[in-house]
């Protein structure tokens, strides 16, 4: 199991404030909904990214990372998509320059991870932000 910058997870979680959640769902039973709500409740600003919903929990949703207003700084791009769909998301992420690309549990794409790292982004792969936050007791 590859996690890349696993040793940086504590600082990533502590120093980040804004999380763009790609593939967020407006259905409470979905993992992306639960993780984003947990992060929101812990004080992170959530930017929902899903082309088929207009809002998530009262927050405007964007169709893609490129639709986020230019003046909004994204710290983490948190990806809830199938592994084979990650490369185009990382390519978009490179255009908005987040600090970290985070691929959720079960999302593994070595090529996308290499692309992100080759462009100076931190990478976490096959890890759940909610579980890592709870495990580390990050505040």
N, C-alpha and C. Protein backbone atom coordinates (compact mmCIF):
# COMPACT_ATOMS: atom_id res chain seq x y z
N UNK A 1 0.85 -1.18 0.00
CA UNK A 1 0.00 0.00 0.00
C UNK A 1 0.89 1.24 0.00
N UNK A 2 0.75 2.06 -0.99
CA UNK A 2 1.55 3.27 -1.13
C UNK A 2 0.79 4.45 -0.54
N UNK A 3 1.46 5.21 0.30
CA UNK A 3 0.81 6.39 0.88
C UNK A 3 1.60 7.65 0.62
N UNK A 4 2.78 7.50 0.09
CA UNK A 4 3.64 8.62 -0.24
C UNK A 4 3.99 9.44 0.99
N UNK A 5 3.50 10.64 1.11
CA UNK A 5 3.94 11.54 2.16
C UNK A 5 3.23 11.27 3.48
N UNK A 6 3.15 10.00 3.85
CA UNK A 6 2.44 9.61 5.07
C UNK A 6 3.01 10.30 6.30
N UNK A 7 4.33 10.45 6.35
CA UNK A 7 4.94 11.10 7.51
C UNK A 7 4.56 12.58 7.61
N UNK A 8 4.00 13.13 6.55
CA UNK A 8 3.60 14.54 6.56
C UNK A 8 2.11 14.72 6.86
N UNK A 9 1.39 13.62 7.04
CA UNK A 9 -0.05 13.71 7.29
C UNK A 9 -0.37 14.62 8.48
N UNK A 10 0.32 14.49 9.61
CA UNK A 10 -0.02 15.38 10.73
C UNK A 10 0.11 16.87 10.38
N UNK A 11 1.19 17.24 9.71
CA UNK A 11 1.35 18.66 9.36
C UNK A 11 0.38 19.08 8.26
N UNK A 12 0.08 18.19 7.33
CA UNK A 12 -0.91 18.51 6.29
C UNK A 12 -2.25 18.83 6.94
N UNK A 13 -2.68 17.97 7.85
CA UNK A 13 -3.98 18.18 8.49
C UNK A 13 -3.99 19.42 9.38
N UNK A 14 -2.89 19.67 10.08
CA UNK A 14 -2.84 20.80 11.00
C UNK A 14 -2.73 22.14 10.29
N UNK A 15 -1.98 22.18 9.19
CA UNK A 15 -1.70 23.44 8.52
C UNK A 15 -2.72 23.79 7.43
N UNK A 16 -3.56 22.86 7.06
CA UNK A 16 -4.53 23.11 5.99
C UNK A 16 -5.83 23.65 6.56
N UNK A 17 -6.48 24.50 5.77
CA UNK A 17 -7.74 25.09 6.20
C UNK A 17 -8.88 24.84 5.21
N UNK A 18 -8.53 24.74 3.92
CA UNK A 18 -9.54 24.65 2.88
C UNK A 18 -9.36 23.36 2.09
N UNK A 19 -10.46 22.60 1.97
CA UNK A 19 -10.43 21.31 1.30
C UNK A 19 -11.45 21.30 0.16
N UNK A 20 -10.98 21.12 -1.06
CA UNK A 20 -11.88 20.93 -2.21
C UNK A 20 -12.15 19.43 -2.30
N UNK A 21 -13.40 19.03 -2.13
CA UNK A 21 -13.76 17.62 -2.13
C UNK A 21 -14.34 17.25 -3.49
N UNK A 22 -13.53 16.56 -4.30
CA UNK A 22 -13.91 16.18 -5.65
C UNK A 22 -14.68 14.87 -5.60
N UNK A 23 -15.92 14.91 -6.11
CA UNK A 23 -16.77 13.74 -6.09
C UNK A 23 -17.66 13.71 -4.86
N UNK A 24 -17.83 14.86 -4.23
CA UNK A 24 -18.68 14.95 -3.04
C UNK A 24 -20.11 14.59 -3.43
N UNK A 25 -20.81 13.95 -2.50
CA UNK A 25 -22.20 13.58 -2.73
C UNK A 25 -23.11 14.38 -1.80
N UNK A 26 -24.33 14.61 -2.25
CA UNK A 26 -25.31 15.25 -1.39
C UNK A 26 -26.17 14.21 -0.67
N UNK A 27 -25.76 12.95 -0.76
CA UNK A 27 -26.47 11.86 -0.09
C UNK A 27 -25.74 11.52 1.21
N UNK A 28 -26.40 11.71 2.37
CA UNK A 28 -25.74 11.51 3.67
C UNK A 28 -25.16 10.12 3.89
N UNK A 29 -25.64 9.11 3.17
CA UNK A 29 -25.11 7.75 3.38
C UNK A 29 -23.79 7.51 2.65
N UNK A 30 -23.38 8.42 1.81
CA UNK A 30 -22.14 8.25 1.05
C UNK A 30 -20.92 8.68 1.87
N UNK A 31 -19.81 7.97 1.64
CA UNK A 31 -18.57 8.30 2.36
C UNK A 31 -18.14 9.74 2.14
N UNK A 32 -18.24 10.22 0.91
CA UNK A 32 -17.78 11.58 0.62
C UNK A 32 -18.58 12.61 1.42
N UNK A 33 -19.86 12.37 1.60
CA UNK A 33 -20.70 13.27 2.40
C UNK A 33 -20.25 13.23 3.86
N UNK A 34 -20.11 12.01 4.39
CA UNK A 34 -19.75 11.86 5.81
C UNK A 34 -18.38 12.43 6.12
N UNK A 35 -17.41 12.17 5.26
CA UNK A 35 -16.06 12.69 5.49
C UNK A 35 -16.06 14.21 5.42
N UNK A 36 -16.71 14.77 4.41
CA UNK A 36 -16.74 16.23 4.27
C UNK A 36 -17.46 16.87 5.46
N UNK A 37 -18.53 16.27 5.93
CA UNK A 37 -19.26 16.82 7.08
C UNK A 37 -18.38 16.76 8.34
N UNK A 38 -17.68 15.67 8.52
CA UNK A 38 -16.75 15.56 9.65
C UNK A 38 -15.71 16.68 9.58
N UNK A 39 -15.09 16.85 8.41
CA UNK A 39 -14.06 17.88 8.25
C UNK A 39 -14.64 19.27 8.49
N UNK A 40 -15.83 19.51 7.97
CA UNK A 40 -16.51 20.80 8.18
C UNK A 40 -16.72 21.03 9.67
N UNK A 41 -17.20 20.00 10.36
CA UNK A 41 -17.44 20.10 11.80
C UNK A 41 -16.15 20.34 12.59
N UNK A 42 -15.02 19.93 12.04
CA UNK A 42 -13.72 20.12 12.69
C UNK A 42 -13.08 21.45 12.30
N UNK A 43 -13.79 22.27 11.53
CA UNK A 43 -13.31 23.61 11.24
C UNK A 43 -12.70 23.84 9.88
N UNK A 44 -12.65 22.81 9.04
CA UNK A 44 -12.14 23.01 7.69
C UNK A 44 -13.21 23.66 6.82
N UNK A 45 -12.78 24.51 5.91
CA UNK A 45 -13.70 25.05 4.91
C UNK A 45 -13.78 24.03 3.78
N UNK A 46 -14.99 23.64 3.44
CA UNK A 46 -15.20 22.65 2.39
C UNK A 46 -15.64 23.36 1.10
N UNK A 47 -15.00 22.99 0.01
CA UNK A 47 -15.42 23.46 -1.32
C UNK A 47 -15.91 22.23 -2.07
N UNK A 48 -17.22 22.09 -2.23
CA UNK A 48 -17.77 20.92 -2.92
C UNK A 48 -17.49 20.97 -4.43
N UNK A 49 -17.06 19.84 -4.97
CA UNK A 49 -16.83 19.72 -6.42
C UNK A 49 -17.62 18.51 -6.92
N UNK A 50 -18.66 18.80 -7.68
CA UNK A 50 -19.48 17.76 -8.29
C UNK A 50 -20.32 18.42 -9.39
N UNK A 51 -20.18 17.95 -10.63
CA UNK A 51 -20.88 18.61 -11.74
C UNK A 51 -22.39 18.44 -11.73
N UNK A 52 -22.91 17.55 -10.89
CA UNK A 52 -24.36 17.30 -10.93
C UNK A 52 -25.12 17.83 -9.72
N UNK A 53 -24.43 18.49 -8.80
CA UNK A 53 -25.17 19.11 -7.69
C UNK A 53 -24.86 20.60 -7.65
N UNK A 54 -25.83 21.39 -7.22
CA UNK A 54 -25.65 22.84 -7.14
C UNK A 54 -25.09 23.28 -5.79
N UNK A 55 -25.41 22.49 -4.75
CA UNK A 55 -24.89 22.83 -3.44
C UNK A 55 -24.78 21.59 -2.57
N UNK A 56 -23.97 21.72 -1.55
CA UNK A 56 -23.80 20.65 -0.56
C UNK A 56 -23.88 21.31 0.81
N UNK A 57 -24.81 20.86 1.62
CA UNK A 57 -24.98 21.39 2.98
C UNK A 57 -25.02 22.92 2.99
N UNK A 58 -25.73 23.47 2.00
CA UNK A 58 -25.88 24.93 1.92
C UNK A 58 -24.70 25.67 1.32
N UNK A 59 -23.69 24.94 0.85
CA UNK A 59 -22.48 25.54 0.27
C UNK A 59 -22.52 25.33 -1.24
N UNK A 60 -22.25 26.40 -1.99
CA UNK A 60 -22.24 26.31 -3.45
C UNK A 60 -21.26 25.23 -3.90
N UNK A 61 -21.71 24.39 -4.83
CA UNK A 61 -20.87 23.35 -5.41
C UNK A 61 -20.38 23.82 -6.77
N UNK A 62 -19.16 23.43 -7.11
CA UNK A 62 -18.57 23.79 -8.40
C UNK A 62 -18.46 22.54 -9.27
N UNK A 63 -18.54 22.75 -10.58
CA UNK A 63 -18.50 21.64 -11.51
C UNK A 63 -17.11 21.01 -11.60
N UNK A 64 -16.07 21.82 -11.42
CA UNK A 64 -14.70 21.32 -11.47
C UNK A 64 -13.81 22.21 -10.60
N UNK A 65 -12.60 21.76 -10.39
CA UNK A 65 -11.64 22.57 -9.63
C UNK A 65 -11.39 23.91 -10.31
N UNK A 66 -11.45 23.92 -11.63
CA UNK A 66 -11.17 25.15 -12.38
C UNK A 66 -12.27 26.19 -12.23
N UNK A 67 -13.43 25.80 -11.69
CA UNK A 67 -14.53 26.74 -11.49
C UNK A 67 -14.47 27.43 -10.13
N UNK A 68 -13.57 27.01 -9.27
CA UNK A 68 -13.41 27.67 -7.97
C UNK A 68 -12.90 29.09 -8.23
N UNK A 69 -13.47 30.10 -7.55
CA UNK A 69 -12.98 31.47 -7.76
C UNK A 69 -11.47 31.56 -7.56
N UNK A 70 -10.84 32.33 -8.42
CA UNK A 70 -9.37 32.44 -8.44
C UNK A 70 -8.80 32.97 -7.13
N UNK A 71 -9.58 33.76 -6.39
CA UNK A 71 -9.07 34.33 -5.15
C UNK A 71 -9.20 33.36 -3.96
N UNK A 72 -9.73 32.18 -4.19
CA UNK A 72 -9.90 31.19 -3.13
C UNK A 72 -8.71 30.24 -3.13
N UNK A 73 -7.98 30.18 -2.02
CA UNK A 73 -6.82 29.30 -1.90
C UNK A 73 -7.28 27.93 -1.41
N UNK A 74 -6.93 26.90 -2.16
CA UNK A 74 -7.25 25.53 -1.80
C UNK A 74 -5.98 24.88 -1.25
N UNK A 75 -6.09 24.32 -0.05
CA UNK A 75 -4.94 23.66 0.56
C UNK A 75 -4.85 22.19 0.15
N UNK A 76 -6.01 21.51 0.16
CA UNK A 76 -6.05 20.08 -0.15
C UNK A 76 -7.12 19.81 -1.20
N UNK A 77 -6.77 19.03 -2.21
CA UNK A 77 -7.76 18.48 -3.14
C UNK A 77 -7.97 17.04 -2.69
N UNK A 78 -9.14 16.77 -2.14
CA UNK A 78 -9.50 15.46 -1.59
C UNK A 78 -10.34 14.74 -2.64
N UNK A 79 -9.86 13.59 -3.13
CA UNK A 79 -10.46 12.95 -4.29
C UNK A 79 -11.25 11.70 -3.91
N UNK A 80 -12.55 11.76 -4.20
CA UNK A 80 -13.46 10.63 -4.06
C UNK A 80 -13.93 10.21 -5.44
N UNK A 81 -13.06 9.67 -6.22
CA UNK A 81 -13.39 9.20 -7.57
C UNK A 81 -12.68 7.88 -7.80
N UNK A 82 -13.10 7.16 -8.82
CA UNK A 82 -12.43 5.90 -9.15
C UNK A 82 -10.98 6.19 -9.52
N UNK A 83 -10.14 5.23 -9.22
CA UNK A 83 -8.70 5.40 -9.45
C UNK A 83 -8.37 5.79 -10.88
N UNK A 84 -9.09 5.23 -11.86
CA UNK A 84 -8.78 5.54 -13.26
C UNK A 84 -9.25 6.93 -13.69
N UNK A 85 -9.95 7.65 -12.82
CA UNK A 85 -10.42 9.00 -13.15
C UNK A 85 -9.57 10.09 -12.50
N UNK A 86 -8.48 9.71 -11.84
CA UNK A 86 -7.73 10.66 -11.03
C UNK A 86 -6.79 11.56 -11.83
N UNK A 87 -6.20 11.06 -12.89
CA UNK A 87 -5.21 11.87 -13.63
C UNK A 87 -5.79 13.21 -14.10
N UNK A 88 -6.96 13.25 -14.73
CA UNK A 88 -7.49 14.56 -15.12
C UNK A 88 -7.75 15.49 -13.93
N UNK A 89 -8.09 14.92 -12.79
CA UNK A 89 -8.31 15.74 -11.59
C UNK A 89 -6.99 16.34 -11.11
N UNK A 90 -5.94 15.54 -11.12
CA UNK A 90 -4.63 16.06 -10.74
C UNK A 90 -4.17 17.12 -11.74
N UNK A 91 -4.44 16.91 -13.02
CA UNK A 91 -4.09 17.92 -14.02
C UNK A 91 -4.80 19.24 -13.74
N UNK A 92 -6.08 19.18 -13.35
CA UNK A 92 -6.79 20.40 -12.96
C UNK A 92 -6.20 20.98 -11.69
N UNK A 93 -5.89 20.12 -10.73
CA UNK A 93 -5.34 20.59 -9.45
C UNK A 93 -4.05 21.38 -9.67
N UNK A 94 -3.23 20.94 -10.61
CA UNK A 94 -1.98 21.65 -10.88
C UNK A 94 -2.24 23.10 -11.29
N UNK A 95 -3.39 23.37 -11.87
CA UNK A 95 -3.72 24.73 -12.32
C UNK A 95 -4.21 25.62 -11.18
N UNK A 96 -4.62 25.02 -10.05
CA UNK A 96 -5.06 25.84 -8.92
C UNK A 96 -4.04 25.81 -7.77
N UNK A 97 -3.00 24.98 -7.91
CA UNK A 97 -1.86 24.96 -7.01
C UNK A 97 -2.21 24.74 -5.53
N UNK A 98 -2.84 23.62 -5.22
CA UNK A 98 -3.04 23.31 -3.80
C UNK A 98 -1.71 22.85 -3.20
N UNK A 99 -1.68 22.68 -1.91
CA UNK A 99 -0.46 22.15 -1.27
C UNK A 99 -0.42 20.63 -1.40
N UNK A 100 -1.61 19.99 -1.36
CA UNK A 100 -1.69 18.53 -1.26
C UNK A 100 -2.77 17.97 -2.16
N UNK A 101 -2.48 16.83 -2.76
CA UNK A 101 -3.49 16.00 -3.42
C UNK A 101 -3.68 14.79 -2.52
N UNK A 102 -4.91 14.58 -2.09
CA UNK A 102 -5.23 13.48 -1.17
C UNK A 102 -6.21 12.54 -1.86
N UNK A 103 -5.79 11.30 -2.07
CA UNK A 103 -6.67 10.29 -2.65
C UNK A 103 -7.22 9.42 -1.52
N UNK A 104 -8.52 9.38 -1.42
CA UNK A 104 -9.20 8.68 -0.33
C UNK A 104 -8.92 7.18 -0.35
N UNK A 105 -9.34 6.50 0.69
CA UNK A 105 -9.17 5.05 0.78
C UNK A 105 -9.69 4.37 -0.48
N UNK A 106 -8.89 3.46 -1.01
CA UNK A 106 -9.28 2.73 -2.20
C UNK A 106 -8.97 3.45 -3.49
N UNK A 107 -8.55 4.69 -3.42
CA UNK A 107 -8.19 5.46 -4.62
C UNK A 107 -6.67 5.42 -4.74
N UNK A 108 -6.22 4.65 -5.72
CA UNK A 108 -4.78 4.45 -5.91
C UNK A 108 -4.45 4.66 -7.38
N UNK A 109 -3.60 5.64 -7.66
CA UNK A 109 -3.17 5.90 -9.02
C UNK A 109 -1.74 6.41 -8.97
N UNK A 110 -0.81 5.51 -9.20
CA UNK A 110 0.62 5.84 -9.10
C UNK A 110 1.02 6.92 -10.10
N UNK A 111 0.47 6.85 -11.30
CA UNK A 111 0.80 7.85 -12.33
C UNK A 111 0.34 9.25 -11.91
N UNK A 112 -0.86 9.34 -11.37
CA UNK A 112 -1.37 10.63 -10.90
C UNK A 112 -0.55 11.13 -9.72
N UNK A 113 -0.17 10.23 -8.83
CA UNK A 113 0.66 10.61 -7.68
C UNK A 113 2.01 11.15 -8.15
N UNK A 114 2.60 10.48 -9.13
CA UNK A 114 3.89 10.93 -9.66
C UNK A 114 3.75 12.31 -10.31
N UNK A 115 2.68 12.50 -11.06
CA UNK A 115 2.43 13.80 -11.70
C UNK A 115 2.35 14.90 -10.64
N UNK A 116 1.62 14.65 -9.58
CA UNK A 116 1.48 15.65 -8.51
C UNK A 116 2.83 15.91 -7.84
N UNK A 117 3.54 14.86 -7.50
CA UNK A 117 4.84 15.02 -6.82
C UNK A 117 5.86 15.70 -7.73
N UNK A 118 5.84 15.35 -9.02
CA UNK A 118 6.77 15.99 -9.96
C UNK A 118 6.52 17.48 -10.08
N UNK A 119 5.33 17.92 -9.65
CA UNK A 119 4.98 19.34 -9.68
C UNK A 119 4.92 19.94 -8.27
N UNK A 120 5.70 19.33 -7.38
CA UNK A 120 5.92 19.84 -6.02
C UNK A 120 4.71 19.81 -5.10
N UNK A 121 3.73 18.96 -5.40
CA UNK A 121 2.59 18.81 -4.48
C UNK A 121 2.86 17.63 -3.56
N UNK A 122 2.37 17.74 -2.34
CA UNK A 122 2.39 16.60 -1.44
C UNK A 122 1.30 15.63 -1.88
N UNK A 123 1.51 14.35 -1.64
CA UNK A 123 0.54 13.34 -2.05
C UNK A 123 0.28 12.39 -0.89
N UNK A 124 -1.01 12.17 -0.62
CA UNK A 124 -1.44 11.11 0.28
C UNK A 124 -2.37 10.24 -0.54
N UNK A 125 -2.16 8.93 -0.47
CA UNK A 125 -2.94 8.03 -1.31
C UNK A 125 -3.45 6.86 -0.48
N UNK A 126 -4.70 6.46 -0.78
CA UNK A 126 -5.32 5.31 -0.13
C UNK A 126 -5.45 5.51 1.37
N UNK A 127 -5.79 6.73 1.77
CA UNK A 127 -6.01 7.07 3.18
C UNK A 127 -7.27 7.95 3.28
N UNK A 128 -8.00 7.78 4.37
CA UNK A 128 -9.19 8.58 4.62
C UNK A 128 -8.83 9.77 5.50
N UNK A 129 -9.14 10.98 5.03
CA UNK A 129 -8.84 12.18 5.82
C UNK A 129 -9.53 12.15 7.17
N UNK A 130 -10.76 11.71 7.22
CA UNK A 130 -11.51 11.66 8.47
C UNK A 130 -10.83 10.69 9.45
N UNK A 131 -10.50 9.50 8.99
CA UNK A 131 -9.87 8.52 9.87
C UNK A 131 -8.50 8.99 10.34
N UNK A 132 -7.74 9.61 9.45
CA UNK A 132 -6.42 10.10 9.83
C UNK A 132 -6.54 11.24 10.84
N UNK A 133 -7.47 12.13 10.62
CA UNK A 133 -7.70 13.24 11.55
C UNK A 133 -8.08 12.70 12.92
N UNK A 134 -9.03 11.76 12.95
CA UNK A 134 -9.47 11.19 14.23
C UNK A 134 -8.34 10.40 14.91
N UNK A 135 -7.59 9.65 14.13
CA UNK A 135 -6.49 8.84 14.67
C UNK A 135 -5.42 9.72 15.31
N UNK A 136 -5.11 10.82 14.67
CA UNK A 136 -4.05 11.71 15.14
C UNK A 136 -4.53 12.70 16.19
N UNK A 137 -5.85 12.81 16.34
CA UNK A 137 -6.38 13.79 17.29
C UNK A 137 -6.03 15.20 16.91
N UNK A 138 -5.94 15.46 15.59
CA UNK A 138 -5.56 16.76 15.08
C UNK A 138 -6.62 17.80 15.43
N UNK A 139 -6.15 18.97 15.84
CA UNK A 139 -7.11 20.04 16.14
C UNK A 139 -6.92 21.19 15.21
